[in-house]
Amino acid sequence: MTKKDIACKAVERLEELYPDAICSLNYDSPFQLLIATRLSAQCTDARVNIVTPRLFSRFPDSTAMANATVEEIEEIIKSCGLYKTKARDILAAAKMLEEDFWGNIPDSIEELTRLPGVGRKTANLVMGDIFHKPAVVCDTHFIRITNRLGLTSSTNPLKVEKDLIKLLPPDKSSAFCHRIVLFGREICTARKAYCDKCPLDDICPKKHI
C-alpha cells in the first residue's frame, strides 16, 4: 500500500468517524478566527473560547483592535499565557490589516504570514476554514499521527506540510486536519495509542502501545 493509499483511506475513515468535525475555536468573522488562532498557541482552545467573547465584544474587528492599547488587550487575554507577546502581535497585526489590507484578511499564505505573530499553522487554518482552499494545519496531533502512519518521517512542520499536501485530496485536506485533532485526543493520543479501537489499525505500519 502506497503512502497516498494510506492517506486516502485515513481521510475516508476519519470522515466516517467524525462527519461534523469543525474548528474548535469560536469566531464570527475571518478576523476573529485569525486572532483566536494566535491566542491558541501553547493554550487550550477551551481557554481561548472563554477569553474571546470579552475580547471580541470590545474589539470585534481590525479597526477596533488597531485602536486598542496593548495594555487593554493584555488585561483581557492574560489567562491565555504568553499574553504580553500575544497582545503585542495582535495589536500589530490589526494595524497592518488596516494599513496594508484595508481591513480585509488576505487570502494567500504569503500575505497572511506577513502579519505579526502569524505562522504557517495559523495561515493554513485561515486558508482552509475561511477561503476553502487546500490547506494542511500542522499541529502536534497532526505531526504525531502522520508520522505513526508512515506518511512522513519529519517532525518539522513545514516539511510535514509539504509531504502531506502531496498525499491528501485537495478538497478534503483542511477538514482532515480537524478530524486528526479529534482522533489524536480520543484514540491516537500522545501518551498511548489505543490500537484496539482504532479505525486505521489495519493500515498503520507502526504500532505504538
N, C-alpha and C. Protein backbone atom coordinates (compact mmCIF):
# COMPACT_ATOMS: atom_id res chain seq x y z
N MET A 1 0.85 -1.20 0.00
CA MET A 1 0.00 0.00 0.00
C MET A 1 0.88 1.25 0.00
N THR A 2 0.65 2.15 -0.92
CA THR A 2 1.45 3.36 -1.01
C THR A 2 1.04 4.37 0.07
N LYS A 3 1.88 5.38 0.26
CA LYS A 3 1.55 6.44 1.21
C LYS A 3 0.25 7.14 0.80
N LYS A 4 0.07 7.34 -0.48
CA LYS A 4 -1.15 8.01 -0.96
C LYS A 4 -2.37 7.15 -0.67
N ASP A 5 -2.25 5.83 -0.82
CA ASP A 5 -3.36 4.93 -0.49
C ASP A 5 -3.72 5.04 0.99
N ILE A 6 -2.68 5.02 1.83
CA ILE A 6 -2.91 5.12 3.28
C ILE A 6 -3.58 6.45 3.61
N ALA A 7 -3.09 7.54 3.02
CA ALA A 7 -3.65 8.86 3.28
C ALA A 7 -5.12 8.92 2.87
N CYS A 8 -5.44 8.39 1.70
CA CYS A 8 -6.82 8.45 1.21
C CYS A 8 -7.76 7.61 2.07
N LYS A 9 -7.28 6.46 2.52
CA LYS A 9 -8.11 5.63 3.39
C LYS A 9 -8.30 6.29 4.75
N ALA A 10 -7.26 6.93 5.25
CA ALA A 10 -7.37 7.64 6.53
C ALA A 10 -8.39 8.77 6.42
N VAL A 11 -8.34 9.50 5.32
CA VAL A 11 -9.31 10.58 5.09
C VAL A 11 -10.73 10.02 5.11
N GLU A 12 -10.94 8.95 4.38
CA GLU A 12 -12.27 8.35 4.27
C GLU A 12 -12.78 7.84 5.60
N ARG A 13 -11.94 7.15 6.35
CA ARG A 13 -12.39 6.55 7.61
C ARG A 13 -12.61 7.58 8.71
N LEU A 14 -11.76 8.59 8.78
CA LEU A 14 -11.97 9.63 9.79
C LEU A 14 -13.17 10.50 9.44
N GLU A 15 -13.49 10.59 8.15
CA GLU A 15 -14.70 11.30 7.73
C GLU A 15 -15.94 10.57 8.25
N GLU A 16 -15.88 9.27 8.24
CA GLU A 16 -17.00 8.47 8.77
C GLU A 16 -17.08 8.58 10.29
N LEU A 17 -15.91 8.60 10.95
CA LEU A 17 -15.87 8.64 12.41
C LEU A 17 -16.26 10.02 12.95
N TYR A 18 -15.82 11.07 12.26
CA TYR A 18 -16.09 12.45 12.70
C TYR A 18 -16.70 13.24 11.53
N PRO A 19 -17.93 12.96 11.18
CA PRO A 19 -18.53 13.61 10.00
C PRO A 19 -18.70 15.12 10.14
N ASP A 20 -18.83 15.59 11.36
CA ASP A 20 -19.13 17.01 11.56
C ASP A 20 -17.95 17.79 12.14
N ALA A 21 -16.76 17.28 11.96
CA ALA A 21 -15.58 17.93 12.54
C ALA A 21 -15.39 19.34 11.98
N ILE A 22 -15.26 20.30 12.90
CA ILE A 22 -15.00 21.68 12.51
C ILE A 22 -13.96 22.25 13.47
N CYS A 23 -13.50 23.43 13.19
CA CYS A 23 -12.57 24.11 14.08
C CYS A 23 -13.20 24.27 15.46
N SER A 24 -12.44 23.97 16.49
CA SER A 24 -12.99 24.06 17.85
C SER A 24 -12.90 25.45 18.45
N LEU A 25 -12.35 26.40 17.71
CA LEU A 25 -12.33 27.78 18.16
C LEU A 25 -13.61 28.48 17.73
N ASN A 26 -14.16 29.32 18.61
CA ASN A 26 -15.38 30.06 18.30
C ASN A 26 -15.03 31.41 17.67
N TYR A 27 -15.71 31.75 16.59
CA TYR A 27 -15.46 33.02 15.91
C TYR A 27 -16.65 33.38 15.04
N ASP A 28 -16.77 34.68 14.75
CA ASP A 28 -17.86 35.16 13.90
C ASP A 28 -17.37 35.83 12.62
N SER A 29 -16.06 35.89 12.42
CA SER A 29 -15.53 36.55 11.23
C SER A 29 -14.12 36.02 10.97
N PRO A 30 -13.62 36.21 9.76
CA PRO A 30 -12.24 35.81 9.47
C PRO A 30 -11.23 36.45 10.42
N PHE A 31 -11.42 37.72 10.73
CA PHE A 31 -10.52 38.40 11.66
C PHE A 31 -10.51 37.71 13.02
N GLN A 32 -11.69 37.35 13.50
CA GLN A 32 -11.76 36.72 14.81
C GLN A 32 -11.11 35.34 14.83
N LEU A 33 -11.22 34.59 13.72
CA LEU A 33 -10.53 33.30 13.66
C LEU A 33 -9.01 33.52 13.69
N LEU A 34 -8.54 34.51 12.97
CA LEU A 34 -7.12 34.82 12.96
C LEU A 34 -6.60 35.11 14.37
N ILE A 35 -7.32 35.94 15.10
CA ILE A 35 -6.90 36.32 16.45
C ILE A 35 -7.03 35.15 17.42
N ALA A 36 -8.12 34.41 17.33
CA ALA A 36 -8.32 33.27 18.23
C ALA A 36 -7.22 32.22 18.02
N THR A 37 -6.82 32.03 16.78
CA THR A 37 -5.76 31.06 16.50
C THR A 37 -4.44 31.53 17.07
N ARG A 38 -4.16 32.82 16.99
CA ARG A 38 -2.93 33.34 17.61
C ARG A 38 -2.96 33.13 19.10
N LEU A 39 -4.10 33.30 19.72
CA LEU A 39 -4.22 33.10 21.17
C LEU A 39 -4.05 31.64 21.56
N SER A 40 -4.33 30.73 20.65
CA SER A 40 -4.31 29.30 20.99
C SER A 40 -2.91 28.71 21.10
N ALA A 41 -1.89 29.46 20.71
CA ALA A 41 -0.52 28.96 20.83
C ALA A 41 -0.19 28.68 22.30
N GLN A 42 0.20 27.44 22.58
CA GLN A 42 0.52 26.99 23.95
C GLN A 42 -0.62 27.30 24.92
N CYS A 43 -1.84 27.13 24.43
CA CYS A 43 -3.03 27.35 25.24
C CYS A 43 -4.14 26.48 24.67
N THR A 44 -5.03 26.00 25.51
CA THR A 44 -6.10 25.15 25.01
C THR A 44 -7.16 25.97 24.29
N ASP A 45 -7.81 25.33 23.32
CA ASP A 45 -8.91 26.01 22.62
C ASP A 45 -10.04 26.36 23.59
N ALA A 46 -10.25 25.50 24.57
CA ALA A 46 -11.30 25.76 25.56
C ALA A 46 -11.04 27.06 26.30
N ARG A 47 -9.80 27.29 26.69
CA ARG A 47 -9.45 28.53 27.39
C ARG A 47 -9.62 29.74 26.47
N VAL A 48 -9.19 29.60 25.21
CA VAL A 48 -9.34 30.69 24.25
C VAL A 48 -10.81 31.05 24.09
N ASN A 49 -11.67 30.04 24.03
CA ASN A 49 -13.10 30.29 23.86
C ASN A 49 -13.74 30.97 25.07
N ILE A 50 -13.09 30.88 26.21
CA ILE A 50 -13.56 31.60 27.40
C ILE A 50 -13.16 33.07 27.31
N VAL A 51 -11.99 33.32 26.75
CA VAL A 51 -11.43 34.66 26.70
C VAL A 51 -11.98 35.51 25.56
N THR A 52 -12.19 34.90 24.40
CA THR A 52 -12.51 35.70 23.21
C THR A 52 -13.87 36.42 23.25
N PRO A 53 -14.90 35.91 23.90
CA PRO A 53 -16.15 36.69 23.90
C PRO A 53 -15.96 38.11 24.44
N ARG A 54 -15.22 38.24 25.51
CA ARG A 54 -14.98 39.58 26.07
C ARG A 54 -14.08 40.39 25.14
N LEU A 55 -13.04 39.75 24.60
CA LEU A 55 -12.12 40.45 23.71
C LEU A 55 -12.85 40.97 22.48
N PHE A 56 -13.67 40.11 21.86
CA PHE A 56 -14.33 40.49 20.62
C PHE A 56 -15.54 41.38 20.84
N SER A 57 -16.09 41.38 22.04
CA SER A 57 -17.18 42.32 22.31
C SER A 57 -16.64 43.75 22.36
N ARG A 58 -15.41 43.90 22.82
CA ARG A 58 -14.79 45.23 22.87
C ARG A 58 -14.10 45.59 21.56
N PHE A 59 -13.48 44.59 20.94
CA PHE A 59 -12.71 44.84 19.71
C PHE A 59 -13.11 43.81 18.66
N PRO A 60 -14.26 43.98 18.02
CA PRO A 60 -14.79 42.94 17.12
C PRO A 60 -14.11 42.82 15.77
N ASP A 61 -13.37 43.85 15.36
CA ASP A 61 -12.75 43.82 14.04
C ASP A 61 -11.39 44.51 14.09
N SER A 62 -10.70 44.51 12.97
CA SER A 62 -9.35 45.07 12.96
C SER A 62 -9.35 46.57 13.21
N THR A 63 -10.38 47.26 12.79
CA THR A 63 -10.44 48.71 13.03
C THR A 63 -10.47 49.01 14.52
N ALA A 64 -11.34 48.30 15.24
CA ALA A 64 -11.44 48.50 16.69
C ALA A 64 -10.17 48.04 17.39
N MET A 65 -9.63 46.87 16.99
CA MET A 65 -8.44 46.34 17.64
C MET A 65 -7.23 47.24 17.41
N ALA A 66 -7.14 47.81 16.22
CA ALA A 66 -6.00 48.68 15.91
C ALA A 66 -5.98 49.94 16.76
N ASN A 67 -7.14 50.29 17.31
CA ASN A 67 -7.24 51.48 18.16
C ASN A 67 -7.18 51.16 19.64
N ALA A 68 -6.96 49.89 19.97
CA ALA A 68 -6.80 49.49 21.36
C ALA A 68 -5.38 49.81 21.82
N THR A 69 -5.15 49.72 23.10
CA THR A 69 -3.79 49.79 23.62
C THR A 69 -3.33 48.37 23.93
N VAL A 70 -2.03 48.17 23.93
CA VAL A 70 -1.53 46.84 24.24
C VAL A 70 -1.92 46.43 25.66
N GLU A 71 -2.00 47.40 26.55
CA GLU A 71 -2.39 47.10 27.94
C GLU A 71 -3.83 46.62 28.03
N GLU A 72 -4.72 47.19 27.24
CA GLU A 72 -6.12 46.75 27.23
C GLU A 72 -6.23 45.31 26.76
N ILE A 73 -5.48 44.98 25.72
CA ILE A 73 -5.51 43.61 25.20
C ILE A 73 -4.91 42.64 26.20
N GLU A 74 -3.79 43.03 26.80
CA GLU A 74 -3.12 42.18 27.80
C GLU A 74 -4.06 41.82 28.94
N GLU A 75 -4.79 42.82 29.42
CA GLU A 75 -5.66 42.59 30.58
C GLU A 75 -6.73 41.55 30.28
N ILE A 76 -7.23 41.52 29.06
CA ILE A 76 -8.30 40.59 28.69
C ILE A 76 -7.75 39.18 28.42
N ILE A 77 -6.59 39.10 27.81
CA ILE A 77 -6.08 37.77 27.37
C ILE A 77 -5.08 37.16 28.35
N LYS A 78 -4.94 37.74 29.51
CA LYS A 78 -3.89 37.34 30.46
C LYS A 78 -3.88 35.85 30.75
N SER A 79 -5.05 35.23 30.83
CA SER A 79 -5.12 33.81 31.21
C SER A 79 -4.72 32.87 30.09
N CYS A 80 -4.46 33.40 28.89
CA CYS A 80 -4.07 32.55 27.76
C CYS A 80 -2.59 32.18 27.76
N GLY A 81 -1.79 32.80 28.61
CA GLY A 81 -0.36 32.52 28.62
C GLY A 81 0.36 33.28 27.54
N LEU A 82 1.63 33.60 27.80
CA LEU A 82 2.44 34.39 26.86
C LEU A 82 1.68 35.63 26.41
N TYR A 83 0.92 36.19 27.32
CA TYR A 83 -0.04 37.23 26.94
C TYR A 83 0.61 38.52 26.46
N LYS A 84 1.78 38.83 26.98
CA LYS A 84 2.44 40.07 26.55
C LYS A 84 2.84 39.99 25.08
N THR A 85 3.44 38.86 24.71
CA THR A 85 3.84 38.68 23.30
C THR A 85 2.61 38.63 22.41
N LYS A 86 1.58 37.90 22.84
CA LYS A 86 0.37 37.76 22.04
C LYS A 86 -0.34 39.10 21.87
N ALA A 87 -0.40 39.89 22.95
CA ALA A 87 -1.06 41.19 22.86
C ALA A 87 -0.32 42.11 21.88
N ARG A 88 1.00 42.09 21.95
CA ARG A 88 1.79 42.92 21.04
C ARG A 88 1.57 42.50 19.58
N ASP A 89 1.55 41.18 19.34
CA ASP A 89 1.34 40.67 17.98
C ASP A 89 -0.06 41.00 17.47
N ILE A 90 -1.07 40.82 18.33
CA ILE A 90 -2.45 41.07 17.93
C ILE A 90 -2.65 42.54 17.53
N LEU A 91 -2.11 43.43 18.33
CA LEU A 91 -2.24 44.85 18.03
C LEU A 91 -1.51 45.21 16.73
N ALA A 92 -0.30 44.69 16.58
CA ALA A 92 0.48 44.97 15.36
C ALA A 92 -0.19 44.38 14.12
N ALA A 93 -0.76 43.18 14.26
CA ALA A 93 -1.44 42.55 13.13
C ALA A 93 -2.67 43.35 12.72
N ALA A 94 -3.43 43.82 13.72
CA ALA A 94 -4.62 44.62 13.42
C ALA A 94 -4.23 45.91 12.69
N LYS A 95 -3.16 46.53 13.12
CA LYS A 95 -2.72 47.77 12.47
C LYS A 95 -2.26 47.49 11.04
N MET A 96 -1.56 46.38 10.82
CA MET A 96 -1.12 46.05 9.47
C MET A 96 -2.31 45.73 8.57
N LEU A 97 -3.31 45.05 9.10
CA LEU A 97 -4.51 44.76 8.32
C LEU A 97 -5.18 46.06 7.88
N GLU A 98 -5.24 47.02 8.78
CA GLU A 98 -5.85 48.30 8.44
C GLU A 98 -5.02 49.08 7.42
N GLU A 99 -3.71 49.09 7.61
CA GLU A 99 -2.84 49.93 6.79
C GLU A 99 -2.53 49.31 5.43
N ASP A 100 -2.37 47.98 5.41
CA ASP A 100 -1.91 47.32 4.18
C ASP A 100 -2.99 46.56 3.42
N PHE A 101 -4.07 46.19 4.13
CA PHE A 101 -5.08 45.31 3.51
C PHE A 101 -6.50 45.87 3.63
N TRP A 102 -6.64 47.16 3.96
CA TRP A 102 -7.95 47.82 4.06
C TRP A 102 -8.90 47.05 4.99
N GLY A 103 -8.36 46.43 6.01
CA GLY A 103 -9.17 45.73 6.99
C GLY A 103 -9.61 44.33 6.58
N ASN A 104 -9.16 43.90 5.40
CA ASN A 104 -9.53 42.56 4.92
C ASN A 104 -8.46 41.53 5.26
N ILE A 105 -8.89 40.29 5.48
CA ILE A 105 -7.95 39.21 5.72
C ILE A 105 -7.41 38.73 4.37
N PRO A 106 -6.09 38.75 4.17
CA PRO A 106 -5.54 38.31 2.88
C PRO A 106 -5.78 36.83 2.64
N ASP A 107 -5.83 36.45 1.37
CA ASP A 107 -6.19 35.07 1.03
C ASP A 107 -5.03 34.27 0.44
N SER A 108 -3.83 34.55 0.90
CA SER A 108 -2.68 33.75 0.49
C SER A 108 -1.78 33.52 1.71
N ILE A 109 -1.09 32.38 1.70
CA ILE A 109 -0.17 32.06 2.78
C ILE A 109 0.91 33.13 2.90
N GLU A 110 1.40 33.58 1.76
CA GLU A 110 2.50 34.55 1.75
C GLU A 110 2.09 35.86 2.43
N GLU A 111 0.89 36.34 2.12
CA GLU A 111 0.44 37.60 2.72
C GLU A 111 0.03 37.41 4.18
N LEU A 112 -0.61 36.30 4.49
CA LEU A 112 -1.00 36.04 5.88
C LEU A 112 0.21 35.99 6.80
N THR A 113 1.27 35.35 6.35
CA THR A 113 2.45 35.20 7.21
C THR A 113 3.28 36.48 7.30
N ARG A 114 2.88 37.50 6.58
CA ARG A 114 3.48 38.83 6.80
C ARG A 114 2.97 39.45 8.09
N LEU A 115 1.80 39.03 8.52
CA LEU A 115 1.19 39.62 9.72
C LEU A 115 1.97 39.19 10.96
N PRO A 116 2.23 40.10 11.88
CA PRO A 116 2.97 39.77 13.10
C PRO A 116 2.31 38.62 13.87
N GLY A 117 3.12 37.63 14.24
CA GLY A 117 2.63 36.52 15.03
C GLY A 117 1.91 35.43 14.25
N VAL A 118 1.77 35.60 12.95
CA VAL A 118 1.05 34.62 12.13
C VAL A 118 2.05 33.73 11.40
N GLY A 119 2.08 32.45 11.80
CA GLY A 119 2.92 31.47 11.15
C GLY A 119 2.10 30.64 10.17
N ARG A 120 2.72 29.62 9.63
CA ARG A 120 2.05 28.81 8.61
C ARG A 120 0.87 28.03 9.19
N LYS A 121 0.95 27.63 10.47
CA LYS A 121 -0.16 26.90 11.07
C LYS A 121 -1.43 27.77 11.05
N THR A 122 -1.32 28.98 11.55
CA THR A 122 -2.45 29.90 11.56
C THR A 122 -2.90 30.23 10.14
N ALA A 123 -1.93 30.49 9.27
CA ALA A 123 -2.26 30.85 7.89
C ALA A 123 -3.01 29.72 7.19
N ASN A 124 -2.57 28.49 7.39
CA ASN A 124 -3.25 27.36 6.76
C ASN A 124 -4.66 27.17 7.31
N LEU A 125 -4.84 27.40 8.60
CA LEU A 125 -6.18 27.28 9.18
C LEU A 125 -7.12 28.30 8.54
N VAL A 126 -6.66 29.52 8.39
CA VAL A 126 -7.47 30.56 7.75
C VAL A 126 -7.74 30.21 6.29
N MET A 127 -6.72 29.74 5.59
CA MET A 127 -6.89 29.39 4.18
C MET A 127 -7.94 28.30 4.00
N GLY A 128 -7.91 27.30 4.88
CA GLY A 128 -8.86 26.20 4.76
C GLY A 128 -10.26 26.54 5.22
N ASP A 129 -10.36 27.15 6.41
CA ASP A 129 -11.68 27.39 7.00
C ASP A 129 -12.40 28.61 6.43
N ILE A 130 -11.65 29.62 6.06
CA ILE A 130 -12.27 30.85 5.55
C ILE A 130 -12.36 30.85 4.03
N PHE A 131 -11.28 30.48 3.37
CA PHE A 131 -11.25 30.59 1.91
C PHE A 131 -11.46 29.25 1.21
N HIS A 132 -11.57 28.18 2.00
CA HIS A 132 -11.87 26.84 1.46
C HIS A 132 -10.88 26.42 0.38
N LYS A 133 -9.63 26.71 0.64
CA LYS A 133 -8.56 26.31 -0.24
C LYS A 133 -7.79 25.14 0.38
N PRO A 134 -7.08 24.35 -0.42
CA PRO A 134 -6.30 23.24 0.14
C PRO A 134 -5.35 23.76 1.20
N ALA A 135 -5.34 23.11 2.36
CA ALA A 135 -4.52 23.57 3.47
C ALA A 135 -4.18 22.40 4.38
N VAL A 136 -3.00 22.46 4.96
CA VAL A 136 -2.57 21.43 5.91
C VAL A 136 -2.10 22.14 7.18
N VAL A 137 -2.85 21.97 8.25
CA VAL A 137 -2.55 22.60 9.53
C VAL A 137 -1.72 21.63 10.37
N CYS A 138 -0.45 21.93 10.54
CA CYS A 138 0.46 21.00 11.21
C CYS A 138 0.59 21.32 12.69
N ASP A 139 -0.37 20.84 13.48
CA ASP A 139 -0.24 20.95 14.92
C ASP A 139 0.42 19.68 15.46
N THR A 140 0.55 19.58 16.77
CA THR A 140 1.26 18.44 17.36
C THR A 140 0.55 17.12 17.07
N HIS A 141 -0.80 17.12 17.11
CA HIS A 141 -1.54 15.90 16.80
C HIS A 141 -1.26 15.45 15.36
N PHE A 142 -1.32 16.39 14.44
CA PHE A 142 -1.15 16.07 13.03
C PHE A 142 0.24 15.50 12.77
N ILE A 143 1.26 16.12 13.32
CA ILE A 143 2.63 15.66 13.11
C ILE A 143 2.83 14.27 13.71
N ARG A 144 2.34 14.07 14.93
CA ARG A 144 2.50 12.77 15.59
C ARG A 144 1.83 11.65 14.80
N ILE A 145 0.60 11.88 14.39
CA ILE A 145 -0.19 10.82 13.76
C ILE A 145 0.27 10.54 12.34
N THR A 146 0.62 11.55 11.59
CA THR A 146 1.11 11.30 10.23
C THR A 146 2.44 10.57 10.26
N ASN A 147 3.23 10.79 11.30
CA ASN A 147 4.46 10.01 11.47
C ASN A 147 4.14 8.56 11.80
N ARG A 148 3.18 8.34 12.68
CA ARG A 148 2.80 6.97 13.04
C ARG A 148 2.24 6.21 11.85
N LEU A 149 1.57 6.93 10.97
CA LEU A 149 1.00 6.29 9.78
C LEU A 149 2.04 6.12 8.66
N GLY A 150 3.25 6.63 8.89
CA GLY A 150 4.30 6.49 7.89
C GLY A 150 4.15 7.43 6.71
N LEU A 151 3.35 8.48 6.86
CA LEU A 151 3.12 9.41 5.75
C LEU A 151 4.23 10.45 5.65
N THR A 152 4.97 10.61 6.72
CA THR A 152 6.13 11.49 6.75
C THR A 152 7.07 10.95 7.81
N SER A 153 8.33 11.34 7.71
CA SER A 153 9.30 10.93 8.71
C SER A 153 9.88 12.15 9.42
N SER A 154 9.26 13.29 9.19
CA SER A 154 9.78 14.54 9.75
C SER A 154 8.90 15.05 10.88
N THR A 155 9.52 15.79 11.78
CA THR A 155 8.75 16.49 12.82
C THR A 155 8.80 18.00 12.57
N ASN A 156 9.42 18.40 11.48
CA ASN A 156 9.45 19.81 11.11
C ASN A 156 8.12 20.18 10.46
N PRO A 157 7.37 21.12 11.02
CA PRO A 157 6.03 21.43 10.49
C PRO A 157 5.99 21.75 9.00
N LEU A 158 6.95 22.51 8.51
CA LEU A 158 6.95 22.87 7.09
C LEU A 158 7.19 21.64 6.21
N LYS A 159 8.10 20.77 6.64
CA LYS A 159 8.37 19.55 5.87
C LYS A 159 7.15 18.63 5.89
N VAL A 160 6.51 18.50 7.05
CA VAL A 160 5.30 17.68 7.16
C VAL A 160 4.21 18.23 6.25
N GLU A 161 4.04 19.54 6.27
CA GLU A 161 3.04 20.18 5.41
C GLU A 161 3.31 19.86 3.94
N LYS A 162 4.55 19.99 3.52
CA LYS A 162 4.90 19.73 2.12
C LYS A 162 4.71 18.26 1.75
N ASP A 163 5.04 17.37 2.70
CA ASP A 163 4.86 15.93 2.44
C ASP A 163 3.38 15.59 2.29
N LEU A 164 2.55 16.14 3.17
CA LEU A 164 1.14 15.74 3.19
C LEU A 164 0.31 16.41 2.10
N ILE A 165 0.69 17.61 1.68
CA ILE A 165 -0.08 18.27 0.63
C ILE A 165 -0.01 17.47 -0.67
N LYS A 166 1.03 16.65 -0.81
CA LYS A 166 1.17 15.80 -1.99
C LYS A 166 0.29 14.55 -1.91
N LEU A 167 -0.11 14.19 -0.69
CA LEU A 167 -0.82 12.92 -0.48
C LEU A 167 -2.32 13.07 -0.27
N LEU A 168 -2.74 14.19 0.29
CA LEU A 168 -4.15 14.36 0.65
C LEU A 168 -4.98 14.90 -0.51
N PRO A 169 -6.22 14.44 -0.66
CA PRO A 169 -7.12 15.04 -1.65
C PRO A 169 -7.28 16.53 -1.35
N PRO A 170 -7.03 17.41 -2.29
CA PRO A 170 -7.04 18.85 -2.02
C PRO A 170 -8.33 19.36 -1.38
N ASP A 171 -9.46 18.83 -1.81
CA ASP A 171 -10.74 19.32 -1.30
C ASP A 171 -11.08 18.78 0.08
N LYS A 172 -10.25 17.87 0.60
CA LYS A 172 -10.53 17.26 1.90
C LYS A 172 -9.42 17.51 2.92
N SER A 173 -8.34 18.15 2.49
CA SER A 173 -7.17 18.28 3.37
C SER A 173 -7.46 19.11 4.62
N SER A 174 -8.17 20.21 4.47
CA SER A 174 -8.44 21.08 5.62
C SER A 174 -9.32 20.38 6.66
N ALA A 175 -10.41 19.76 6.22
CA ALA A 175 -11.30 19.05 7.14
C ALA A 175 -10.58 17.87 7.80
N PHE A 176 -9.71 17.22 7.05
CA PHE A 176 -8.95 16.09 7.60
C PHE A 176 -8.11 16.54 8.80
N CYS A 177 -7.55 17.74 8.73
CA CYS A 177 -6.75 18.25 9.84
C CYS A 177 -7.60 18.41 11.10
N HIS A 178 -8.84 18.87 10.96
CA HIS A 178 -9.72 18.98 12.13
C HIS A 178 -10.05 17.60 12.69
N ARG A 179 -10.24 16.63 11.80
CA ARG A 179 -10.55 15.28 12.24
C ARG A 179 -9.36 14.63 12.95
N ILE A 180 -8.17 14.92 12.47
CA ILE A 180 -6.97 14.39 13.12
C ILE A 180 -6.87 14.89 14.56
N VAL A 181 -7.25 16.12 14.82
CA VAL A 181 -7.21 16.66 16.18
C VAL A 181 -8.11 15.84 17.10
N LEU A 182 -9.35 15.57 16.66
CA LEU A 182 -10.26 14.76 17.47
C LEU A 182 -9.74 13.35 17.65
N PHE A 183 -9.22 12.78 16.58
CA PHE A 183 -8.66 11.43 16.61
C PHE A 183 -7.45 11.38 17.56
N GLY A 184 -6.64 12.41 17.53
CA GLY A 184 -5.46 12.47 18.38
C GLY A 184 -5.78 12.67 19.84
N ARG A 185 -6.91 13.26 20.13
CA ARG A 185 -7.33 13.44 21.52
C ARG A 185 -7.99 12.20 22.09
N GLU A 186 -8.68 11.46 21.24
CA GLU A 186 -9.50 10.35 21.72
C GLU A 186 -8.88 8.97 21.55
N ILE A 187 -8.15 8.76 20.46
CA ILE A 187 -7.69 7.40 20.13
C ILE A 187 -6.17 7.30 20.02
N CYS A 188 -5.59 8.09 19.14
CA CYS A 188 -4.14 8.02 18.92
C CYS A 188 -3.48 9.13 19.74
N THR A 189 -3.53 8.99 21.05
CA THR A 189 -3.07 10.06 21.92
C THR A 189 -1.55 10.08 22.04
N ALA A 190 -1.03 11.17 22.57
CA ALA A 190 0.42 11.29 22.72
C ALA A 190 0.95 10.28 23.73
N ARG A 191 0.17 10.01 24.76
CA ARG A 191 0.63 9.10 25.81
C ARG A 191 0.49 7.65 25.41
N LYS A 192 -0.59 7.34 24.70
CA LYS A 192 -0.84 5.96 24.31
C LYS A 192 -1.75 5.91 23.08
N ALA A 193 -1.42 4.99 22.18
CA ALA A 193 -2.28 4.78 21.02
C ALA A 193 -3.20 3.60 21.31
N TYR A 194 -4.52 3.82 21.26
CA TYR A 194 -5.50 2.77 21.56
C TYR A 194 -5.82 2.01 20.28
N CYS A 195 -4.88 1.18 19.88
CA CYS A 195 -4.97 0.47 18.60
C CYS A 195 -6.17 -0.48 18.53
N ASP A 196 -6.62 -0.97 19.69
CA ASP A 196 -7.73 -1.93 19.69
C ASP A 196 -9.04 -1.31 19.23
N LYS A 197 -9.16 0.02 19.30
CA LYS A 197 -10.39 0.68 18.86
C LYS A 197 -10.13 1.68 17.73
N CYS A 198 -8.98 1.51 17.07
CA CYS A 198 -8.58 2.45 16.03
C CYS A 198 -9.09 2.01 14.67
N PRO A 199 -9.78 2.89 13.95
CA PRO A 199 -10.29 2.55 12.61
C PRO A 199 -9.18 2.50 11.55
N LEU A 200 -7.97 2.92 11.93
CA LEU A 200 -6.85 2.92 10.99
C LEU A 200 -5.85 1.81 11.31
N ASP A 201 -6.20 0.95 12.25
CA ASP A 201 -5.26 -0.07 12.74
C ASP A 201 -4.70 -0.94 11.61
N ASP A 202 -5.55 -1.32 10.68
CA ASP A 202 -5.09 -2.26 9.63
C ASP A 202 -4.23 -1.60 8.56
N ILE A 203 -4.22 -0.27 8.50
CA ILE A 203 -3.38 0.41 7.52
C ILE A 203 -2.21 1.13 8.16
N CYS A 204 -2.07 1.01 9.47
CA CYS A 204 -1.00 1.68 10.19
C CYS A 204 0.24 0.80 10.22
N PRO A 205 1.36 1.29 9.67
CA PRO A 205 2.57 0.47 9.62
C PRO A 205 3.32 0.42 10.95
N LYS A 206 2.91 1.25 11.91
CA LYS A 206 3.60 1.29 13.18
C LYS A 206 2.59 1.09 14.31
N LYS A 207 2.98 0.35 15.31
CA LYS A 207 2.12 0.14 16.48
C LYS A 207 2.84 0.73 17.70
N HIS A 208 2.20 1.73 18.29
CA HIS A 208 2.75 2.37 19.48
C HIS A 208 1.79 2.11 20.63
N ILE A 209 2.18 1.31 21.54
CA ILE A 209 1.32 0.97 22.68
C ILE A 209 1.82 1.69 23.92
